[in-house]
Amino acid sequence: ISDIDYIVSKQLKEAVIIVDYPTKFATWTSKK
């Protein structure tokens, strides 16, 4: 989502906090 955040956020009407990120997209310092 971070790579296409501008495109995706066009569909939003409110702020969202996205959790449970796929490990393949999460930073390498994150806890699995």
Full PDB file with SEQRES, HELIX, SHEET, SSBOND, CRYST1, ORIGX, SCALE, CONECT and MASTER records, all heavy atoms in Angstrom:
SEQRES   1 A   32  ILE SER ASP ILE ASP TYR ILE VAL SER LYS GLN LEU LYS          
SEQRES   2 A   32  GLU ALA VAL ILE ILE VAL ASP TYR PRO THR LYS PHE ALA          
SEQRES   3 A   32  THR TRP THR SER LYS LYS                                      
HELIX    1 AA1 SER A    2  ILE A    4  5                                   3    
HELIX    2 AA2 ASP A    5  SER A    9  1                                   5    
CRYST1    1.000    1.000    1.000  90.00  90.00  90.00 P 1           1          
ORIGX1      1.000000  0.000000  0.000000        0.00000                         
ORIGX2      0.000000  1.000000  0.000000        0.00000                         
ORIGX3      0.000000  0.000000  1.000000        0.00000                         
SCALE1      1.000000  0.000000  0.000000        0.00000                         
SCALE2      0.000000  1.000000  0.000000        0.00000                         
SCALE3      0.000000  0.000000  1.000000        0.00000                         
ATOM      1  N   ILE A   1       0.830  -1.206   0.000  1.00  0.00           N  
ATOM      2  CA  ILE A   1       0.000   0.000   0.000  1.00  0.00           C  
ATOM      3  C   ILE A   1       0.869   1.262   0.000  1.00  0.00           C  
ATOM      4  O   ILE A   1       0.526   2.270  -0.620  1.00  0.00           O  
ATOM      5  CB  ILE A   1      -0.935   0.007   1.224  1.00  0.00           C  
ATOM      6  CG1 ILE A   1      -2.001  -1.090   1.090  1.00  0.00           C  
ATOM      7  CG2 ILE A   1      -1.607   1.361   1.390  1.00  0.00           C  
ATOM      8  CD1 ILE A   1      -2.922  -0.917  -0.084  1.00  0.00           C  
ATOM      9  N   SER A   2       2.012   1.205   0.675  1.00  0.00           N  
ATOM     10  CA  SER A   2       2.886   2.379   0.733  1.00  0.00           C  
ATOM     11  C   SER A   2       3.360   2.821  -0.643  1.00  0.00           C  
ATOM     12  O   SER A   2       3.646   4.001  -0.860  1.00  0.00           O  
ATOM     13  CB  SER A   2       4.105   2.090   1.624  1.00  0.00           C  
ATOM     14  OG  SER A   2       3.721   1.851   2.950  1.00  0.00           O  
ATOM     15  N   ASP A   3       3.457   1.880  -1.585  1.00  0.00           N  
ATOM     16  CA  ASP A   3       3.940   2.203  -2.926  1.00  0.00           C  
ATOM     17  C   ASP A   3       2.873   2.869  -3.788  1.00  0.00           C  
ATOM     18  O   ASP A   3       3.194   3.478  -4.817  1.00  0.00           O  
ATOM     19  CB  ASP A   3       4.443   0.940  -3.631  1.00  0.00           C  
ATOM     20  CG  ASP A   3       5.699   0.384  -2.995  1.00  0.00           C  
ATOM     21  OD1 ASP A   3       6.420   1.156  -2.336  1.00  0.00           O  
ATOM     22  OD2 ASP A   3       5.962  -0.831  -3.151  1.00  0.00           O  
ATOM     23  N   ILE A   4       1.606   2.714  -3.417  1.00  0.00           N  
ATOM     24  CA  ILE A   4       0.507   3.281  -4.213  1.00  0.00           C  
ATOM     25  C   ILE A   4      -0.440   4.060  -3.312  1.00  0.00           C  
ATOM     26  O   ILE A   4      -1.637   4.133  -3.550  1.00  0.00           O  
ATOM     27  CB  ILE A   4      -0.264   2.169  -4.969  1.00  0.00           C  
ATOM     28  CG1 ILE A   4      -0.682   1.043  -4.018  1.00  0.00           C  
ATOM     29  CG2 ILE A   4       0.561   1.626  -6.125  1.00  0.00           C  
ATOM     30  CD1 ILE A   4      -1.585   0.013  -4.664  1.00  0.00           C  
ATOM     31  N   ASP A   5       0.116   4.661  -2.255  1.00  0.00           N  
ATOM     32  CA  ASP A   5      -0.731   5.308  -1.246  1.00  0.00           C  
ATOM     33  C   ASP A   5      -1.546   6.456  -1.828  1.00  0.00           C  
ATOM     34  O   ASP A   5      -2.691   6.682  -1.435  1.00  0.00           O  
ATOM     35  CB  ASP A   5       0.122   5.801  -0.082  1.00  0.00           C  
ATOM     36  CG  ASP A   5       1.138   6.860  -0.490  1.00  0.00           C  
ATOM     37  OD1 ASP A   5       1.901   6.611  -1.446  1.00  0.00           O  
ATOM     38  OD2 ASP A   5       1.164   7.932   0.134  1.00  0.00           O  
ATOM     39  N   TYR A   6      -0.965   7.187  -2.783  1.00  0.00           N  
ATOM     40  CA  TYR A   6      -1.692   8.317  -3.379  1.00  0.00           C  
ATOM     41  C   TYR A   6      -2.936   7.828  -4.112  1.00  0.00           C  
ATOM     42  O   TYR A   6      -4.026   8.393  -3.984  1.00  0.00           O  
ATOM     43  CB  TYR A   6      -0.774   9.076  -4.336  1.00  0.00           C  
ATOM     44  CG  TYR A   6      -1.489  10.104  -5.178  1.00  0.00           C  
ATOM     45  CD1 TYR A   6      -1.881  11.314  -4.625  1.00  0.00           C  
ATOM     46  CD2 TYR A   6      -1.782   9.850  -6.518  1.00  0.00           C  
ATOM     47  CE1 TYR A   6      -2.559  12.259  -5.390  1.00  0.00           C  
ATOM     48  CE2 TYR A   6      -2.456  10.785  -7.282  1.00  0.00           C  
ATOM     49  CZ  TYR A   6      -2.836  11.986  -6.716  1.00  0.00           C  
ATOM     50  OH  TYR A   6      -3.515  12.910  -7.468  1.00  0.00           O  
ATOM     51  N   ILE A   7      -2.781   6.735  -4.868  1.00  0.00           N  
ATOM     52  CA  ILE A   7      -3.909   6.191  -5.634  1.00  0.00           C  
ATOM     53  C   ILE A   7      -4.968   5.621  -4.704  1.00  0.00           C  
ATOM     54  O   ILE A   7      -6.160   5.883  -4.842  1.00  0.00           O  
ATOM     55  CB  ILE A   7      -3.404   5.110  -6.607  1.00  0.00           C  
ATOM     56  CG1 ILE A   7      -2.448   5.725  -7.627  1.00  0.00           C  
ATOM     57  CG2 ILE A   7      -4.563   4.426  -7.317  1.00  0.00           C  
ATOM     58  CD1 ILE A   7      -1.734   4.702  -8.498  1.00  0.00           C  
ATOM     59  N   VAL A   8      -4.523   4.847  -3.712  1.00  0.00           N  
ATOM     60  CA  VAL A   8      -5.456   4.190  -2.801  1.00  0.00           C  
ATOM     61  C   VAL A   8      -6.230   5.203  -1.969  1.00  0.00           C  
ATOM     62  O   VAL A   8      -7.436   5.061  -1.758  1.00  0.00           O  
ATOM     63  CB  VAL A   8      -4.690   3.210  -1.890  1.00  0.00           C  
ATOM     64  CG1 VAL A   8      -5.574   2.721  -0.756  1.00  0.00           C  
ATOM     65  CG2 VAL A   8      -4.169   2.030  -2.696  1.00  0.00           C  
ATOM     66  N   SER A   9      -5.554   6.241  -1.495  1.00  0.00           N  
ATOM     67  CA  SER A   9      -6.229   7.181  -0.595  1.00  0.00           C  
ATOM     68  C   SER A   9      -7.315   7.986  -1.293  1.00  0.00           C  
ATOM     69  O   SER A   9      -8.171   8.576  -0.634  1.00  0.00           O  
ATOM     70  CB  SER A   9      -5.210   8.127   0.047  1.00  0.00           C  
ATOM     71  OG  SER A   9      -4.634   8.995  -0.910  1.00  0.00           O  
ATOM     72  N   LYS A  10      -7.310   7.998  -2.623  1.00  0.00           N  
ATOM     73  CA  LYS A  10      -8.401   8.660  -3.343  1.00  0.00           C  
ATOM     74  C   LYS A  10      -9.747   8.008  -3.045  1.00  0.00           C  
ATOM     75  O   LYS A  10     -10.797   8.642  -3.173  1.00  0.00           O  
ATOM     76  CB  LYS A  10      -8.142   8.619  -4.856  1.00  0.00           C  
ATOM     77  CG  LYS A  10      -7.058   9.552  -5.344  1.00  0.00           C  
ATOM     78  CD  LYS A  10      -6.925   9.451  -6.860  1.00  0.00           C  
ATOM     79  CE  LYS A  10      -5.910  10.424  -7.411  1.00  0.00           C  
ATOM     80  NZ  LYS A  10      -5.790  10.331  -8.890  1.00  0.00           N  
ATOM     81  N   GLN A  11      -9.712   6.732  -2.657  1.00  0.00           N  
ATOM     82  CA  GLN A  11     -10.953   6.009  -2.379  1.00  0.00           C  
ATOM     83  C   GLN A  11     -11.453   6.228  -0.948  1.00  0.00           C  
ATOM     84  O   GLN A  11     -12.539   5.785  -0.594  1.00  0.00           O  
ATOM     85  CB  GLN A  11     -10.754   4.510  -2.623  1.00  0.00           C  
ATOM     86  CG  GLN A  11     -10.383   4.158  -4.050  1.00  0.00           C  
ATOM     87  CD  GLN A  11     -10.365   2.653  -4.274  1.00  0.00           C  
ATOM     88  OE1 GLN A  11     -11.133   1.921  -3.663  1.00  0.00           O  
ATOM     89  NE2 GLN A  11      -9.485   2.195  -5.154  1.00  0.00           N  
ATOM     90  N   LEU A  12     -10.652   6.887  -0.121  1.00  0.00           N  
ATOM     91  CA  LEU A  12     -10.997   7.031   1.289  1.00  0.00           C  
ATOM     92  C   LEU A  12     -11.775   8.311   1.554  1.00  0.00           C  
ATOM     93  O   LEU A  12     -11.511   9.347   0.949  1.00  0.00           O  
ATOM     94  CB  LEU A  12      -9.729   7.026   2.142  1.00  0.00           C  
ATOM     95  CG  LEU A  12      -8.837   5.788   2.072  1.00  0.00           C  
ATOM     96  CD1 LEU A  12      -7.629   5.962   2.972  1.00  0.00           C  
ATOM     97  CD2 LEU A  12      -9.618   4.546   2.458  1.00  0.00           C  
ATOM     98  N   LYS A  13     -12.688   8.218   2.514  1.00  0.00           N  
ATOM     99  CA  LYS A  13     -13.431   9.379   2.997  1.00  0.00           C  
ATOM    100  C   LYS A  13     -13.021   9.752   4.416  1.00  0.00           C  
ATOM    101  O   LYS A  13     -13.454  10.779   4.943  1.00  0.00           O  
ATOM    102  CB  LYS A  13     -14.938   9.089   2.961  1.00  0.00           C  
ATOM    103  CG  LYS A  13     -15.476   8.781   1.568  1.00  0.00           C  
ATOM    104  CD  LYS A  13     -15.269   9.944   0.608  1.00  0.00           C  
ATOM    105  CE  LYS A  13     -15.848   9.630  -0.768  1.00  0.00           C  
ATOM    106  NZ  LYS A  13     -15.549  10.720  -1.747  1.00  0.00           N  
ATOM    107  N   GLU A  14     -12.208   8.917   5.033  1.00  0.00           N  
ATOM    108  CA  GLU A  14     -11.762   9.144   6.404  1.00  0.00           C  
ATOM    109  C   GLU A  14     -10.359   8.581   6.568  1.00  0.00           C  
ATOM    110  O   GLU A  14      -9.907   7.762   5.759  1.00  0.00           O  
ATOM    111  CB  GLU A  14     -12.707   8.455   7.395  1.00  0.00           C  
ATOM    112  CG  GLU A  14     -12.749   6.944   7.199  1.00  0.00           C  
ATOM    113  CD  GLU A  14     -13.735   6.251   8.105  1.00  0.00           C  
ATOM    114  OE1 GLU A  14     -14.221   6.887   9.054  1.00  0.00           O  
ATOM    115  OE2 GLU A  14     -14.014   5.052   7.870  1.00  0.00           O  
ATOM    116  N   ALA A  15      -9.657   9.013   7.604  1.00  0.00           N  
ATOM    117  CA  ALA A  15      -8.332   8.477   7.896  1.00  0.00           C  
ATOM    118  C   ALA A  15      -8.457   7.048   8.417  1.00  0.00           C  
ATOM    119  O   ALA A  15      -9.399   6.726   9.149  1.00  0.00           O  
ATOM    120  CB  ALA A  15      -7.634   9.346   8.928  1.00  0.00           C  
ATOM    121  N   VAL A  16      -7.519   6.195   8.030  1.00  0.00           N  
ATOM    122  CA  VAL A  16      -7.510   4.819   8.504  1.00  0.00           C  
ATOM    123  C   VAL A  16      -6.115   4.453   8.999  1.00  0.00           C  
ATOM    124  O   VAL A  16      -5.103   4.917   8.455  1.00  0.00           O  
ATOM    125  CB  VAL A  16      -7.955   3.811   7.414  1.00  0.00           C  
ATOM    126  CG1 VAL A  16      -9.394   4.048   7.017  1.00  0.00           C  
ATOM    127  CG2 VAL A  16      -7.040   3.866   6.204  1.00  0.00           C  
ATOM    128  N   ILE A  17      -6.080   3.631  10.043  1.00  0.00           N  
ATOM    129  CA  ILE A  17      -4.836   3.054  10.537  1.00  0.00           C  
ATOM    130  C   ILE A  17      -4.852   1.581  10.159  1.00  0.00           C  
ATOM    131  O   ILE A  17      -5.705   0.816  10.640  1.00  0.00           O  
ATOM    132  CB  ILE A  17      -4.702   3.222  12.060  1.00  0.00           C  
ATOM    133  CG1 ILE A  17      -4.594   4.715  12.422  1.00  0.00           C  
ATOM    134  CG2 ILE A  17      -3.471   2.475  12.569  1.00  0.00           C  
ATOM    135  CD1 ILE A  17      -4.608   4.974  13.918  1.00  0.00           C  
ATOM    136  N   ILE A  18      -3.955   1.184   9.282  1.00  0.00           N  
ATOM    137  CA  ILE A  18      -3.911  -0.185   8.774  1.00  0.00           C  
ATOM    138  C   ILE A  18      -2.929  -0.985   9.616  1.00  0.00           C  
ATOM    139  O   ILE A  18      -1.765  -0.593   9.774  1.00  0.00           O  
ATOM    140  CB  ILE A  18      -3.489  -0.202   7.297  1.00  0.00           C  
ATOM    141  CG1 ILE A  18      -4.446   0.659   6.465  1.00  0.00           C  
ATOM    142  CG2 ILE A  18      -3.464  -1.624   6.764  1.00  0.00           C  
ATOM    143  CD1 ILE A  18      -3.998   0.859   5.033  1.00  0.00           C  
ATOM    144  N   VAL A  19      -3.398  -2.116  10.164  1.00  0.00           N  
ATOM    145  CA  VAL A  19      -2.568  -2.944  11.037  1.00  0.00           C  
ATOM    146  C   VAL A  19      -2.465  -4.358  10.464  1.00  0.00           C  
ATOM    147  O   VAL A  19      -3.054  -4.655   9.429  1.00  0.00           O  
ATOM    148  CB  VAL A  19      -3.137  -2.980  12.475  1.00  0.00           C  
ATOM    149  CG1 VAL A  19      -3.142  -1.584  13.083  1.00  0.00           C  
ATOM    150  CG2 VAL A  19      -4.550  -3.568  12.487  1.00  0.00           C  
ATOM    151  N   ASP A  20      -1.711  -5.218  11.154  1.00  0.00           N  
ATOM    152  CA  ASP A  20      -1.480  -6.591  10.695  1.00  0.00           C  
ATOM    153  C   ASP A  20      -0.911  -6.599   9.273  1.00  0.00           C  
ATOM    154  O   ASP A  20      -1.434  -7.238   8.360  1.00  0.00           O  
ATOM    155  CB  ASP A  20      -2.760  -7.421  10.752  1.00  0.00           C  
ATOM    156  CG  ASP A  20      -3.156  -7.766  12.175  1.00  0.00           C  
ATOM    157  OD1 ASP A  20      -2.320  -7.569  13.070  1.00  0.00           O  
ATOM    158  OD2 ASP A  20      -4.290  -8.225  12.395  1.00  0.00           O  
ATOM    159  N   TYR A  21       0.170  -5.886   9.110  1.00  0.00           N  
ATOM    160  CA  TYR A  21       0.817  -5.762   7.807  1.00  0.00           C  
ATOM    161  C   TYR A  21       1.472  -7.079   7.389  1.00  0.00           C  
ATOM    162  O   TYR A  21       2.095  -7.754   8.216  1.00  0.00           O  
ATOM    163  CB  TYR A  21       1.895  -4.674   7.901  1.00  0.00           C  
ATOM    164  CG  TYR A  21       1.725  -3.566   6.910  1.00  0.00           C  
ATOM    165  CD1 TYR A  21       0.684  -2.657   7.031  1.00  0.00           C  
ATOM    166  CD2 TYR A  21       2.591  -3.433   5.836  1.00  0.00           C  
ATOM    167  CE1 TYR A  21       0.528  -1.637   6.120  1.00  0.00           C  
ATOM    168  CE2 TYR A  21       2.441  -2.419   4.916  1.00  0.00           C  
ATOM    169  CZ  TYR A  21       1.408  -1.524   5.059  1.00  0.00           C  
ATOM    170  OH  TYR A  21       1.249  -0.523   4.146  1.00  0.00           O  
ATOM    171  N   PRO A  22       1.368  -7.444   6.116  1.00  0.00           N  
ATOM    172  CA  PRO A  22       2.120  -8.621   5.644  1.00  0.00           C  
ATOM    173  C   PRO A  22       3.619  -8.415   5.869  1.00  0.00           C  
ATOM    174  O   PRO A  22       4.161  -7.346   5.578  1.00  0.00           O  
ATOM    175  CB  PRO A  22       1.791  -8.664   4.147  1.00  0.00           C  
ATOM    176  CG  PRO A  22       0.484  -7.948   4.021  1.00  0.00           C  
ATOM    177  CD  PRO A  22       0.521  -6.870   5.062  1.00  0.00           C  
ATOM    178  N   THR A  23       4.265  -9.435   6.394  1.00  0.00           N  
ATOM    179  CA  THR A  23       5.694  -9.325   6.696  1.00  0.00           C  
ATOM    180  C   THR A  23       6.507  -8.954   5.458  1.00  0.00           C  
ATOM    181  O   THR A  23       7.493  -8.227   5.547  1.00  0.00           O  
ATOM    182  CB  THR A  23       6.198 -10.644   7.297  1.00  0.00           C  
ATOM    183  OG1 THR A  23       5.525 -10.872   8.540  1.00  0.00           O  
ATOM    184  CG2 THR A  23       7.695 -10.610   7.540  1.00  0.00           C  
ATOM    185  N   LYS A  24       6.087  -9.432   4.285  1.00  0.00           N  
ATOM    186  CA  LYS A  24       6.858  -9.145   3.068  1.00  0.00           C  
ATOM    187  C   LYS A  24       6.852  -7.661   2.723  1.00  0.00           C  
ATOM    188  O   LYS A  24       7.701  -7.194   1.967  1.00  0.00           O  
ATOM    189  CB  LYS A  24       6.307  -9.951   1.894  1.00  0.00           C  
ATOM    190  CG  LYS A  24       4.877  -9.649   1.512  1.00  0.00           C  
ATOM    191  CD  LYS A  24       4.417 -10.543   0.379  1.00  0.00           C  
ATOM    192  CE  LYS A  24       2.953 -10.287   0.004  1.00  0.00           C  
ATOM    193  NZ  LYS A  24       2.500 -11.168  -1.102  1.00  0.00           N  
ATOM    194  N   PHE A  25       5.900  -6.891   3.272  1.00  0.00           N  
ATOM    195  CA  PHE A  25       5.844  -5.459   3.020  1.00  0.00           C  
ATOM    196  C   PHE A  25       6.334  -4.639   4.217  1.00  0.00           C  
ATOM    197  O   PHE A  25       6.572  -3.437   4.089  1.00  0.00           O  
ATOM    198  CB  PHE A  25       4.419  -5.019   2.681  1.00  0.00           C  
ATOM    199  CG  PHE A  25       3.880  -5.620   1.416  1.00  0.00           C  
ATOM    200  CD1 PHE A  25       2.553  -6.022   1.330  1.00  0.00           C  
ATOM    201  CD2 PHE A  25       4.689  -5.784   0.299  1.00  0.00           C  
ATOM    202  CE1 PHE A  25       2.042  -6.567   0.163  1.00  0.00           C  
ATOM    203  CE2 PHE A  25       4.190  -6.328  -0.871  1.00  0.00           C  
ATOM    204  CZ  PHE A  25       2.859  -6.732  -0.940  1.00  0.00           C  
ATOM    205  N   ALA A  26       6.434  -5.259   5.378  1.00  0.00           N  
ATOM    206  CA  ALA A  26       6.793  -4.528   6.598  1.00  0.00           C  
ATOM    207  C   ALA A  26       8.302  -4.291   6.653  1.00  0.00           C  
ATOM    208  O   ALA A  26       9.090  -5.004   6.035  1.00  0.00           O  
ATOM    209  CB  ALA A  26       6.342  -5.306   7.828  1.00  0.00           C  
ATOM    210  N   THR A  27       8.698  -3.294   7.419  1.00  0.00           N  
ATOM    211  CA  THR A  27      10.124  -3.023   7.604  1.00  0.00           C  
ATOM    212  C   THR A  27      10.802  -4.218   8.266  1.00  0.00           C  
ATOM    213  O   THR A  27      10.192  -4.937   9.069  1.00  0.00           O  
ATOM    214  CB  THR A  27      10.327  -1.765   8.468  1.00  0.00           C  
ATOM    215  OG1 THR A  27      11.728  -1.621   8.750  1.00  0.00           O  
ATOM    216  CG2 THR A  27       9.585  -1.857   9.788  1.00  0.00           C  
ATOM    217  N   TRP A  28      12.072  -4.422   7.952  1.00  0.00           N  
ATOM    218  CA  TRP A  28      12.804  -5.587   8.466  1.00  0.00           C  
ATOM    219  C   TRP A  28      13.056  -5.494   9.962  1.00  0.00           C  
ATOM    220  O   TRP A  28      13.428  -6.487  10.588  1.00  0.00           O  
ATOM    221  CB  TRP A  28      14.108  -5.782   7.712  1.00  0.00           C  
ATOM    222  CG  TRP A  28      15.122  -4.693   7.874  1.00  0.00           C  
ATOM    223  CD1 TRP A  28      15.180  -3.522   7.209  1.00  0.00           C  
ATOM    224  CD2 TRP A  28      16.249  -4.695   8.760  1.00  0.00           C  
ATOM    225  NE1 TRP A  28      16.256  -2.775   7.619  1.00  0.00           N  
ATOM    226  CE2 TRP A  28      16.926  -3.475   8.569  1.00  0.00           C  
ATOM    227  CE3 TRP A  28      16.733  -5.603   9.691  1.00  0.00           C  
ATOM    228  CZ2 TRP A  28      18.074  -3.135   9.285  1.00  0.00           C  
ATOM    229  CZ3 TRP A  28      17.886  -5.270  10.408  1.00  0.00           C  
ATOM    230  CH2 TRP A  28      18.542  -4.059  10.198  1.00  0.00           C  
ATOM    231  N   THR A  29      12.831  -4.339  10.563  1.00  0.00           N  
ATOM    232  CA  THR A  29      12.997  -4.213  12.016  1.00  0.00           C  
ATOM    233  C   THR A  29      11.725  -4.575  12.779  1.00  0.00           C  
ATOM    234  O   THR A  29      11.719  -4.548  14.010  1.00  0.00           O  
ATOM    235  CB  THR A  29      13.399  -2.773  12.403  1.00  0.00           C  
ATOM    236  OG1 THR A  29      12.354  -1.867  12.020  1.00  0.00           O  
ATOM    237  CG2 THR A  29      14.700  -2.372  11.735  1.00  0.00           C  
ATOM    238  N   SER A  30      10.645  -4.905  12.080  1.00  0.00           N  
ATOM    239  CA  SER A  30       9.368  -5.157  12.757  1.00  0.00           C  
ATOM    240  C   SER A  30       9.308  -6.566  13.345  1.00  0.00           C  
ATOM    241  O   SER A  30       9.930  -7.498  12.843  1.00  0.00           O  
ATOM    242  CB  SER A  30       8.201  -4.940  11.799  1.00  0.00           C  
ATOM    243  OG  SER A  30       8.271  -5.838  10.715  1.00  0.00           O  
ATOM    244  N   LYS A  31       8.527  -6.687  14.407  1.00  0.00           N  
ATOM    245  CA  LYS A  31       8.336  -7.967  15.073  1.00  0.00           C  
ATOM    246  C   LYS A  31       7.280  -8.774  14.333  1.00  0.00           C  
ATOM    247  O   LYS A  31       6.215  -8.265  13.994  1.00  0.00           O  
ATOM    248  CB  LYS A  31       7.894  -7.725  16.519  1.00  0.00           C  
ATOM    249  CG  LYS A  31       7.859  -8.967  17.391  1.00  0.00           C  
ATOM    250  CD  LYS A  31       7.548  -8.571  18.834  1.00  0.00           C  
ATOM    251  CE  LYS A  31       7.569  -9.772  19.751  1.00  0.00           C  
ATOM    252  NZ  LYS A  31       7.302  -9.374  21.163  1.00  0.00           N  
ATOM    253  N   LYS A  32       7.558 -10.058  14.105  1.00  0.00           N  
ATOM    254  CA  LYS A  32       6.644 -10.904  13.348  1.00  0.00           C  
ATOM    255  C   LYS A  32       5.542 -11.471  14.230  1.00  0.00           C  
ATOM    256  O   LYS A  32       5.745 -11.748  15.413  1.00  0.00           O  
ATOM    257  CB  LYS A  32       7.410 -12.057  12.690  1.00  0.00           C  
ATOM    258  CG  LYS A  32       8.370 -11.627  11.596  1.00  0.00           C  
ATOM    259  CD  LYS A  32       9.043 -12.835  10.972  1.00  0.00           C  
ATOM    260  CE  LYS A  32      10.017 -12.430   9.876  1.00  0.00           C  
ATOM    261  NZ  LYS A  32      10.688 -13.608   9.276  1.00  0.00           N  
TER     262      LYS A  32                                                      
MASTER        0    0    0    2    0    0    0    6  261    1    0    3          
END                                                                             
